[in-house]
Amino acid sequence: MSMETVAFGDADLLSYGRDFISNLDLVLRFKLNAPLNKYIRETFYTDVVGYTDYPFLNRENVKKDEHPLI
């Protein structure tokens, strides 16, 4: 699903809860059409592993020729 889904009237609201948990930089990833980290459901709401362990988008994990803004 995407903003096109809303634009075409197929939905009124899109939710990205699970994707946001594993991609705290989700807005930037959407702007750059960058790949998303896959979430690991077993780590949701735990104290040791989860929210802070997922990698952020950076120059090392994105090819510059694909995303010149990084």
C-alpha atoms as a PDB file:
ATOM      1  CA  MET A   1       0.000   0.000   0.000  1.00  0.00           C
ATOM      2  CA  SER A   2       1.086   3.535  -0.595  1.00  0.00           C
ATOM      3  CA  MET A   3      -0.067   7.107  -0.948  1.00  0.00           C
ATOM      4  CA  GLU A   4      -1.464   6.139  -4.353  1.00  0.00           C
ATOM      5  CA  THR A   5      -3.895   3.854  -2.532  1.00  0.00           C
ATOM      6  CA  VAL A   6      -5.285   6.860  -0.669  1.00  0.00           C
ATOM      7  CA  ALA A   7      -5.176   9.091  -3.746  1.00  0.00           C
ATOM      8  CA  PHE A   8      -7.275   6.629  -5.759  1.00  0.00           C
ATOM      9  CA  GLY A   9      -9.836   6.398  -2.969  1.00  0.00           C
ATOM     10  CA  ASP A  10      -9.119   2.770  -2.147  1.00  0.00           C
ATOM     11  CA  ALA A  11      -8.372   3.663   1.491  1.00  0.00           C
ATOM     12  CA  ASP A  12      -8.851   6.590   3.846  1.00  0.00           C
ATOM     13  CA  LEU A  13      -5.880   5.818   6.069  1.00  0.00           C
ATOM     14  CA  LEU A  14      -2.749   3.703   5.906  1.00  0.00           C
ATOM     15  CA  SER A  15      -1.014   2.388   8.997  1.00  0.00           C
ATOM     16  CA  TYR A  16       2.683   1.568   9.161  1.00  0.00           C
ATOM     17  CA  GLY A  17       3.009   0.501  12.813  1.00  0.00           C
ATOM     18  CA  ARG A  18       5.071  -2.644  12.298  1.00  0.00           C
ATOM     19  CA  ASP A  19       7.202  -1.022   9.618  1.00  0.00           C
ATOM     20  CA  PHE A  20       7.802   2.009  11.820  1.00  0.00           C
ATOM     21  CA  ILE A  21       9.019  -0.159  14.706  1.00  0.00           C
ATOM     22  CA  SER A  22      11.780  -1.562  12.505  1.00  0.00           C
ATOM     23  CA  ASN A  23      12.407   1.672  10.549  1.00  0.00           C
ATOM     24  CA  LEU A  24      12.548   4.699  12.809  1.00  0.00           C
ATOM     25  CA  ASP A  25      13.634   6.660   9.732  1.00  0.00           C
ATOM     26  CA  LEU A  26      10.576   5.474   7.795  1.00  0.00           C
ATOM     27  CA  VAL A  27       9.719   8.904   6.369  1.00  0.00           C
ATOM     28  CA  LEU A  28      13.208   9.288   4.880  1.00  0.00           C
ATOM     29  CA  ARG A  29      13.043   5.766   3.460  1.00  0.00           C
ATOM     30  CA  PHE A  30       9.713   6.597   1.795  1.00  0.00           C
ATOM     31  CA  LYS A  31      11.093   9.865   0.384  1.00  0.00           C
ATOM     32  CA  LEU A  32      14.075   8.051  -1.113  1.00  0.00           C
ATOM     33  CA  ASN A  33      12.160   4.915  -2.051  1.00  0.00           C
ATOM     34  CA  ALA A  34      14.796   3.054  -0.033  1.00  0.00           C
ATOM     35  CA  PRO A  35      14.419  -0.535   1.151  1.00  0.00           C
ATOM     36  CA  LEU A  36      12.826  -1.181   4.543  1.00  0.00           C
ATOM     37  CA  ASN A  37      14.238  -3.247   7.386  1.00  0.00           C
ATOM     38  CA  LYS A  38      12.141  -6.351   7.940  1.00  0.00           C
ATOM     39  CA  TYR A  39      10.541  -6.414  11.356  1.00  0.00           C
ATOM     40  CA  ILE A  40      10.970  -9.300  13.747  1.00  0.00           C
ATOM     41  CA  ARG A  41       7.658  -9.778  15.522  1.00  0.00           C
ATOM     42  CA  GLU A  42       9.226 -11.766  18.364  1.00  0.00           C
ATOM     43  CA  THR A  43      11.171  -8.661  19.447  1.00  0.00           C
ATOM     44  CA  PHE A  44       8.127  -6.391  19.742  1.00  0.00           C
ATOM     45  CA  TYR A  45       7.731  -4.913  23.217  1.00  0.00           C
ATOM     46  CA  THR A  46      10.781  -6.570  24.743  1.00  0.00           C
ATOM     47  CA  ASP A  47      13.369  -4.944  26.976  1.00  0.00           C
ATOM     48  CA  VAL A  48      16.546  -6.430  25.551  1.00  0.00           C
ATOM     49  CA  VAL A  49      16.149  -6.680  21.770  1.00  0.00           C
ATOM     50  CA  GLY A  50      13.952  -4.626  19.532  1.00  0.00           C
ATOM     51  CA  TYR A  51      13.287  -0.948  18.967  1.00  0.00           C
ATOM     52  CA  THR A  52      16.894   0.293  19.110  1.00  0.00           C
ATOM     53  CA  ASP A  53      18.587  -2.558  17.230  1.00  0.00           C
ATOM     54  CA  TYR A  54      17.391  -1.932  13.689  1.00  0.00           C
ATOM     55  CA  PRO A  55      19.890  -0.134  11.410  1.00  0.00           C
ATOM     56  CA  PHE A  56      19.199   3.394  10.237  1.00  0.00           C
ATOM     57  CA  LEU A  57      19.502   4.323   6.596  1.00  0.00           C
ATOM     58  CA  ASN A  58      22.968   5.699   5.896  1.00  0.00           C
ATOM     59  CA  ARG A  59      25.583   6.068   3.211  1.00  0.00           C
ATOM     60  CA  GLU A  60      27.022   2.646   3.937  1.00  0.00           C
ATOM     61  CA  ASN A  61      23.809   0.691   3.319  1.00  0.00           C
ATOM     62  CA  VAL A  62      22.451   2.712   0.372  1.00  0.00           C
ATOM     63  CA  LYS A  63      24.113   3.007  -3.021  1.00  0.00           C
ATOM     64  CA  LYS A  64      24.715   6.674  -3.806  1.00  0.00           C
ATOM     65  CA  ASP A  65      23.843   6.293  -7.478  1.00  0.00           C
ATOM     66  CA  GLU A  66      20.404   5.016  -6.465  1.00  0.00           C
ATOM     67  CA  HIS A  67      19.809   7.715  -3.827  1.00  0.00           C
ATOM     68  CA  PRO A  68      21.895  10.845  -4.500  1.00  0.00           C
ATOM     69  CA  LEU A  69      20.489  12.682  -1.460  1.00  0.00           C
ATOM     70  CA  ILE A  70      22.261  10.348   0.974  1.00  0.00           C
END
